Amino acid sequence: MGIAHFVFRRAAIYTWRRRIPTRIGCESLHLQVSLGTACPATARRLAGILTVDFHPELSRVSA
């Protein structure tokens, strides 16, 4: 199990990645954001913030 949901390590830096639902009609299937840190504790904190903020934005776009 990873350090947090939707967090992946690419090289030495953690990234946050979510799948974009097809109903939005976006060209890309995933949204990927570099967390800009190699520290697992910082990545965990930033991923929580991104995850909470992602859901309202997604519902606003699809409405």
PDB file of N, CA and C in Angstrom:
ATOM      1  N   MET A   1       0.837  -1.178   0.000  1.00  0.00           N
ATOM      2  CA  MET A   1       0.000   0.000   0.000  1.00  0.00           C
ATOM      3  C   MET A   1       0.879   1.237   0.000  1.00  0.00           C
ATOM      4  N   GLY A   2       0.467   2.277  -0.724  1.00  0.00           N
ATOM      5  CA  GLY A   2       1.230   3.513  -0.828  1.00  0.00           C
ATOM      6  C   GLY A   2       1.127   4.370   0.417  1.00  0.00           C
ATOM      7  N   ILE A   3       1.738   5.513   0.356  1.00  0.00           N
ATOM      8  CA  ILE A   3       1.733   6.407   1.509  1.00  0.00           C
ATOM      9  C   ILE A   3       0.400   7.127   1.653  1.00  0.00           C
ATOM     10  N   ALA A   4      -0.335   7.320   0.551  1.00  0.00           N
ATOM     11  CA  ALA A   4      -1.655   7.962   0.564  1.00  0.00           C
ATOM     12  C   ALA A   4      -2.376   7.583  -0.726  1.00  0.00           C
ATOM     13  N   HIS A   5      -3.691   7.764  -0.730  1.00  0.00           N
ATOM     14  CA  HIS A   5      -4.459   7.493  -1.942  1.00  0.00           C
ATOM     15  C   HIS A   5      -4.048   8.460  -3.036  1.00  0.00           C
ATOM     16  N   PHE A   6      -3.929   7.953  -4.243  1.00  0.00           N
ATOM     17  CA  PHE A   6      -3.645   8.734  -5.446  1.00  0.00           C
ATOM     18  C   PHE A   6      -2.232   9.300  -5.496  1.00  0.00           C
ATOM     19  N   VAL A   7      -1.329   8.848  -4.643  1.00  0.00           N
ATOM     20  CA  VAL A   7       0.049   9.356  -4.623  1.00  0.00           C
ATOM     21  C   VAL A   7       0.974   8.281  -5.168  1.00  0.00           C
ATOM     22  N   PHE A   8       1.824   8.706  -6.097  1.00  0.00           N
ATOM     23  CA  PHE A   8       2.779   7.811  -6.718  1.00  0.00           C
ATOM     24  C   PHE A   8       4.143   8.464  -6.684  1.00  0.00           C
ATOM     25  N   ARG A   9       5.165   7.650  -6.654  1.00  0.00           N
ATOM     26  CA  ARG A   9       6.523   8.176  -6.662  1.00  0.00           C
ATOM     27  C   ARG A   9       7.111   7.998  -8.049  1.00  0.00           C
ATOM     28  N   ARG A  10       7.530   9.099  -8.641  1.00  0.00           N
ATOM     29  CA  ARG A  10       8.163   9.097  -9.962  1.00  0.00           C
ATOM     30  C   ARG A  10       9.566   9.638  -9.772  1.00  0.00           C
ATOM     31  N   ALA A  11      10.535   8.793 -10.026  1.00  0.00           N
ATOM     32  CA  ALA A  11      11.944   9.115  -9.742  1.00  0.00           C
ATOM     33  C   ALA A  11      12.045   9.376  -8.240  1.00  0.00           C
ATOM     34  N   ALA A  12      12.408  10.558  -7.832  1.00  0.00           N
ATOM     35  CA  ALA A  12      12.535  10.844  -6.400  1.00  0.00           C
ATOM     36  C   ALA A  12      11.425  11.762  -5.901  1.00  0.00           C
ATOM     37  N   ILE A  13      10.497  12.152  -6.786  1.00  0.00           N
ATOM     38  CA  ILE A  13       9.463  13.123  -6.440  1.00  0.00           C
ATOM     39  C   ILE A  13       8.097  12.439  -6.433  1.00  0.00           C
ATOM     40  N   TYR A  14       7.257  12.810  -5.463  1.00  0.00           N
ATOM     41  CA  TYR A  14       5.903  12.279  -5.376  1.00  0.00           C
ATOM     42  C   TYR A  14       4.960  13.081  -6.271  1.00  0.00           C
ATOM     43  N   THR A  15       4.005  12.366  -6.880  1.00  0.00           N
ATOM     44  CA  THR A  15       2.983  13.003  -7.696  1.00  0.00           C
ATOM     45  C   THR A  15       1.615  12.544  -7.233  1.00  0.00           C
ATOM     46  N   TRP A  16       0.619  13.351  -7.484  1.00  0.00           N
ATOM     47  CA  TRP A  16      -0.777  13.049  -7.187  1.00  0.00           C
ATOM     48  C   TRP A  16      -1.472  12.852  -8.524  1.00  0.00           C
ATOM     49  N   ARG A  17      -2.176  11.744  -8.690  1.00  0.00           N
ATOM     50  CA  ARG A  17      -2.778  11.417  -9.969  1.00  0.00           C
ATOM     51  C   ARG A  17      -4.196  10.911  -9.775  1.00  0.00           C
ATOM     52  N   ARG A  18      -5.116  11.487 -10.570  1.00  0.00           N
ATOM     53  CA  ARG A  18      -6.518  11.049 -10.542  1.00  0.00           C
ATOM     54  C   ARG A  18      -7.008  10.809 -11.953  1.00  0.00           C
ATOM     55  N   ARG A  19      -7.901   9.866 -12.092  1.00  0.00           N
ATOM     56  CA  ARG A  19      -8.546   9.601 -13.374  1.00  0.00           C
ATOM     57  C   ARG A  19      -9.675  10.605 -13.560  1.00  0.00           C
ATOM     58  N   ILE A  20      -9.813  11.126 -14.774  1.00  0.00           N
ATOM     59  CA  ILE A  20     -10.895  12.050 -15.094  1.00  0.00           C
ATOM     60  C   ILE A  20     -12.021  11.250 -15.741  1.00  0.00           C
ATOM     61  N   PRO A  21     -13.242  11.379 -15.230  1.00  0.00           N
ATOM     62  CA  PRO A  21     -14.357  10.630 -15.818  1.00  0.00           C
ATOM     63  C   PRO A  21     -14.578  11.008 -17.282  1.00  0.00           C
ATOM     64  N   THR A  22     -14.996  10.047 -18.097  1.00  0.00           N
ATOM     65  CA  THR A  22     -15.177  10.286 -19.526  1.00  0.00           C
ATOM     66  C   THR A  22     -16.333  11.227 -19.809  1.00  0.00           C
ATOM     67  N   ARG A  23     -17.261  11.401 -18.903  1.00  0.00           N
ATOM     68  CA  ARG A  23     -18.411  12.270 -19.140  1.00  0.00           C
ATOM     69  C   ARG A  23     -18.016  13.742 -19.256  1.00  0.00           C
ATOM     70  N   ILE A  24     -16.825  14.098 -18.799  1.00  0.00           N
ATOM     71  CA  ILE A  24     -16.375  15.479 -18.883  1.00  0.00           C
ATOM     72  C   ILE A  24     -15.929  15.817 -20.305  1.00  0.00           C
ATOM     73  N   GLY A  25     -15.511  14.838 -21.056  1.00  0.00           N
ATOM     74  CA  GLY A  25     -15.120  15.053 -22.444  1.00  0.00           C
ATOM     75  C   GLY A  25     -13.757  15.699 -22.587  1.00  0.00           C
ATOM     76  N   CYS A  26     -12.855  15.353 -21.729  1.00  0.00           N
ATOM     77  CA  CYS A  26     -11.499  15.894 -21.768  1.00  0.00           C
ATOM     78  C   CYS A  26     -10.624  14.970 -22.611  1.00  0.00           C
ATOM     79  N   GLU A  27      -9.597  15.538 -23.262  1.00  0.00           N
ATOM     80  CA  GLU A  27      -8.698  14.724 -24.078  1.00  0.00           C
ATOM     81  C   GLU A  27      -7.858  13.767 -23.235  1.00  0.00           C
ATOM     82  N   SER A  28      -7.465  14.207 -22.056  1.00  0.00           N
ATOM     83  CA  SER A  28      -6.617  13.395 -21.189  1.00  0.00           C
ATOM     84  C   SER A  28      -7.474  12.539 -20.275  1.00  0.00           C
ATOM     85  N   LEU A  29      -6.996  11.352 -19.953  1.00  0.00           N
ATOM     86  CA  LEU A  29      -7.731  10.469 -19.052  1.00  0.00           C
ATOM     87  C   LEU A  29      -7.318  10.637 -17.599  1.00  0.00           C
ATOM     88  N   HIS A  30      -6.168  11.298 -17.364  1.00  0.00           N
ATOM     89  CA  HIS A  30      -5.667  11.459 -16.015  1.00  0.00           C
ATOM     90  C   HIS A  30      -5.221  12.902 -15.781  1.00  0.00           C
ATOM     91  N   LEU A  31      -5.369  13.324 -14.559  1.00  0.00           N
ATOM     92  CA  LEU A  31      -4.829  14.603 -14.121  1.00  0.00           C
ATOM     93  C   LEU A  31      -3.675  14.272 -13.195  1.00  0.00           C
ATOM     94  N   GLN A  32      -2.495  14.756 -13.504  1.00  0.00           N
ATOM     95  CA  GLN A  32      -1.316  14.463 -12.702  1.00  0.00           C
ATOM     96  C   GLN A  32      -0.668  15.756 -12.267  1.00  0.00           C
ATOM     97  N   VAL A  33      -0.387  15.856 -10.958  1.00  0.00           N
ATOM     98  CA  VAL A  33       0.223  17.057 -10.387  1.00  0.00           C
ATOM     99  C   VAL A  33       1.458  16.641  -9.607  1.00  0.00           C
ATOM    100  N   SER A  34       2.571  17.278  -9.896  1.00  0.00           N
ATOM    101  CA  SER A  34       3.781  17.020  -9.123  1.00  0.00           C
ATOM    102  C   SER A  34       3.626  17.677  -7.760  1.00  0.00           C
ATOM    103  N   LEU A  35       3.891  16.938  -6.708  1.00  0.00           N
ATOM    104  CA  LEU A  35       3.818  17.501  -5.365  1.00  0.00           C
ATOM    105  C   LEU A  35       5.101  18.238  -5.006  1.00  0.00           C
ATOM    106  N   GLY A  36       6.124  18.071  -5.803  1.00  0.00           N
ATOM    107  CA  GLY A  36       7.363  18.817  -5.635  1.00  0.00           C
ATOM    108  C   GLY A  36       8.126  18.498  -4.370  1.00  0.00           C
ATOM    109  N   THR A  37       7.971  17.288  -3.883  1.00  0.00           N
ATOM    110  CA  THR A  37       8.665  16.904  -2.659  1.00  0.00           C
ATOM    111  C   THR A  37       9.092  15.445  -2.728  1.00  0.00           C
ATOM    112  N   ALA A  38      10.161  15.141  -2.027  1.00  0.00           N
ATOM    113  CA  ALA A  38      10.608  13.762  -1.884  1.00  0.00           C
ATOM    114  C   ALA A  38      10.300  13.246  -0.486  1.00  0.00           C
ATOM    115  N   CYS A  39       9.712  14.097   0.341  1.00  0.00           N
ATOM    116  CA  CYS A  39       9.378  13.743   1.733  1.00  0.00           C
ATOM    117  C   CYS A  39       7.997  13.079   1.775  1.00  0.00           C
ATOM    118  N   PRO A  40       7.902  11.848   2.270  1.00  0.00           N
ATOM    119  CA  PRO A  40       6.606  11.169   2.316  1.00  0.00           C
ATOM    120  C   PRO A  40       5.566  11.886   3.186  1.00  0.00           C
ATOM    121  N   ALA A  41       5.981  12.475   4.285  1.00  0.00           N
ATOM    122  CA  ALA A  41       5.031  13.162   5.172  1.00  0.00           C
ATOM    123  C   ALA A  41       4.431  14.392   4.488  1.00  0.00           C
ATOM    124  N   THR A  42       5.257  15.137   3.778  1.00  0.00           N
ATOM    125  CA  THR A  42       4.767  16.310   3.058  1.00  0.00           C
ATOM    126  C   THR A  42       3.860  15.889   1.907  1.00  0.00           C
ATOM    127  N   ALA A  43       4.221  14.841   1.198  1.00  0.00           N
ATOM    128  CA  ALA A  43       3.405  14.329   0.100  1.00  0.00           C
ATOM    129  C   ALA A  43       2.046  13.875   0.609  1.00  0.00           C
ATOM    130  N   ARG A  44       2.006  13.221   1.739  1.00  0.00           N
ATOM    131  CA  ARG A  44       0.752  12.756   2.329  1.00  0.00           C
ATOM    132  C   ARG A  44      -0.163  13.939   2.657  1.00  0.00           C
ATOM    133  N   ARG A  45       0.411  14.998   3.218  1.00  0.00           N
ATOM    134  CA  ARG A  45      -0.370  16.182   3.598  1.00  0.00           C
ATOM    135  C   ARG A  45      -0.902  16.885   2.348  1.00  0.00           C
ATOM    136  N   LEU A  46      -0.047  17.088   1.356  1.00  0.00           N
ATOM    137  CA  LEU A  46      -0.465  17.759   0.130  1.00  0.00           C
ATOM    138  C   LEU A  46      -1.504  16.943  -0.644  1.00  0.00           C
ATOM    139  N   ALA A  47      -1.367  15.631  -0.643  1.00  0.00           N
ATOM    140  CA  ALA A  47      -2.325  14.775  -1.337  1.00  0.00           C
ATOM    141  C   ALA A  47      -3.707  14.880  -0.711  1.00  0.00           C
ATOM    142  N   GLY A  48      -3.767  14.977   0.602  1.00  0.00           N
ATOM    143  CA  GLY A  48      -5.048  15.151   1.280  1.00  0.00           C
ATOM    144  C   GLY A  48      -5.726  16.443   0.870  1.00  0.00           C
ATOM    145  N   ILE A  49      -4.952  17.507   0.781  1.00  0.00           N
ATOM    146  CA  ILE A  49      -5.495  18.805   0.368  1.00  0.00           C
ATOM    147  C   ILE A  49      -6.007  18.739  -1.065  1.00  0.00           C
ATOM    148  N   LEU A  50      -5.232  18.168  -1.954  1.00  0.00           N
ATOM    149  CA  LEU A  50      -5.646  18.057  -3.356  1.00  0.00           C
ATOM    150  C   LEU A  50      -6.884  17.182  -3.524  1.00  0.00           C
ATOM    151  N   THR A  51      -6.953  16.097  -2.807  1.00  0.00           N
ATOM    152  CA  THR A  51      -8.090  15.185  -2.926  1.00  0.00           C
ATOM    153  C   THR A  51      -9.377  15.861  -2.485  1.00  0.00           C
ATOM    154  N   VAL A  52      -9.328  16.580  -1.391  1.00  0.00           N
ATOM    155  CA  VAL A  52     -10.517  17.276  -0.889  1.00  0.00           C
ATOM    156  C   VAL A  52     -10.951  18.369  -1.860  1.00  0.00           C
ATOM    157  N   ASP A  53     -10.013  19.103  -2.417  1.00  0.00           N
ATOM    158  CA  ASP A  53     -10.342  20.194  -3.331  1.00  0.00           C
ATOM    159  C   ASP A  53     -10.733  19.712  -4.725  1.00  0.00           C
ATOM    160  N   PHE A  54     -10.367  18.513  -5.106  1.00  0.00           N
ATOM    161  CA  PHE A  54     -10.644  18.006  -6.443  1.00  0.00           C
ATOM    162  C   PHE A  54     -12.117  17.697  -6.656  1.00  0.00           C
ATOM    163  N   HIS A  55     -12.794  17.138  -5.674  1.00  0.00           N
ATOM    164  CA  HIS A  55     -14.175  16.703  -5.849  1.00  0.00           C
ATOM    165  C   HIS A  55     -15.145  17.853  -6.149  1.00  0.00           C
ATOM    166  N   PRO A  56     -15.128  18.985  -5.452  1.00  0.00           N
ATOM    167  CA  PRO A  56     -16.037  20.078  -5.822  1.00  0.00           C
ATOM    168  C   PRO A  56     -15.755  20.633  -7.218  1.00  0.00           C
ATOM    169  N   GLU A  57     -14.493  20.707  -7.609  1.00  0.00           N
ATOM    170  CA  GLU A  57     -14.141  21.198  -8.934  1.00  0.00           C
ATOM    171  C   GLU A  57     -14.669  20.262 -10.012  1.00  0.00           C
ATOM    172  N   LEU A  58     -14.579  18.973  -9.769  1.00  0.00           N
ATOM    173  CA  LEU A  58     -15.042  17.991 -10.738  1.00  0.00           C
ATOM    174  C   LEU A  58     -16.548  18.081 -10.923  1.00  0.00           C
ATOM    175  N   SER A  59     -17.301  18.230  -9.849  1.00  0.00           N
ATOM    176  CA  SER A  59     -18.758  18.307  -9.957  1.00  0.00           C
ATOM    177  C   SER A  59     -19.195  19.603 -10.617  1.00  0.00           C
ATOM    178  N   ARG A  60     -18.417  20.684 -10.445  1.00  0.00           N
ATOM    179  CA  ARG A  60     -18.754  21.959 -11.072  1.00  0.00           C
ATOM    180  C   ARG A  60     -18.561  21.865 -12.597  1.00  0.00           C
ATOM    181  N   VAL A  61     -17.545  21.164 -13.048  1.00  0.00           N
ATOM    182  CA  VAL A  61     -17.257  21.041 -14.479  1.00  0.00           C
ATOM    183  C   VAL A  61     -18.278  20.143 -15.157  1.00  0.00           C
ATOM    184  N   SER A  62     -18.680  19.081 -14.503  1.00  0.00           N
ATOM    185  CA  SER A  62     -19.577  18.111 -15.137  1.00  0.00           C
ATOM    186  C   SER A  62     -21.024  18.521 -15.099  1.00  0.00           C
ATOM    187  N   ALA A  63     -21.381  19.544 -14.344  1.00  0.00           N
ATOM    188  CA  ALA A  63     -22.793  19.961 -14.226  1.00  0.00           C
ATOM    189  C   ALA A  63     -23.247  20.742 -15.428  1.00  0.00           C
TER     190      ALA A  63
END
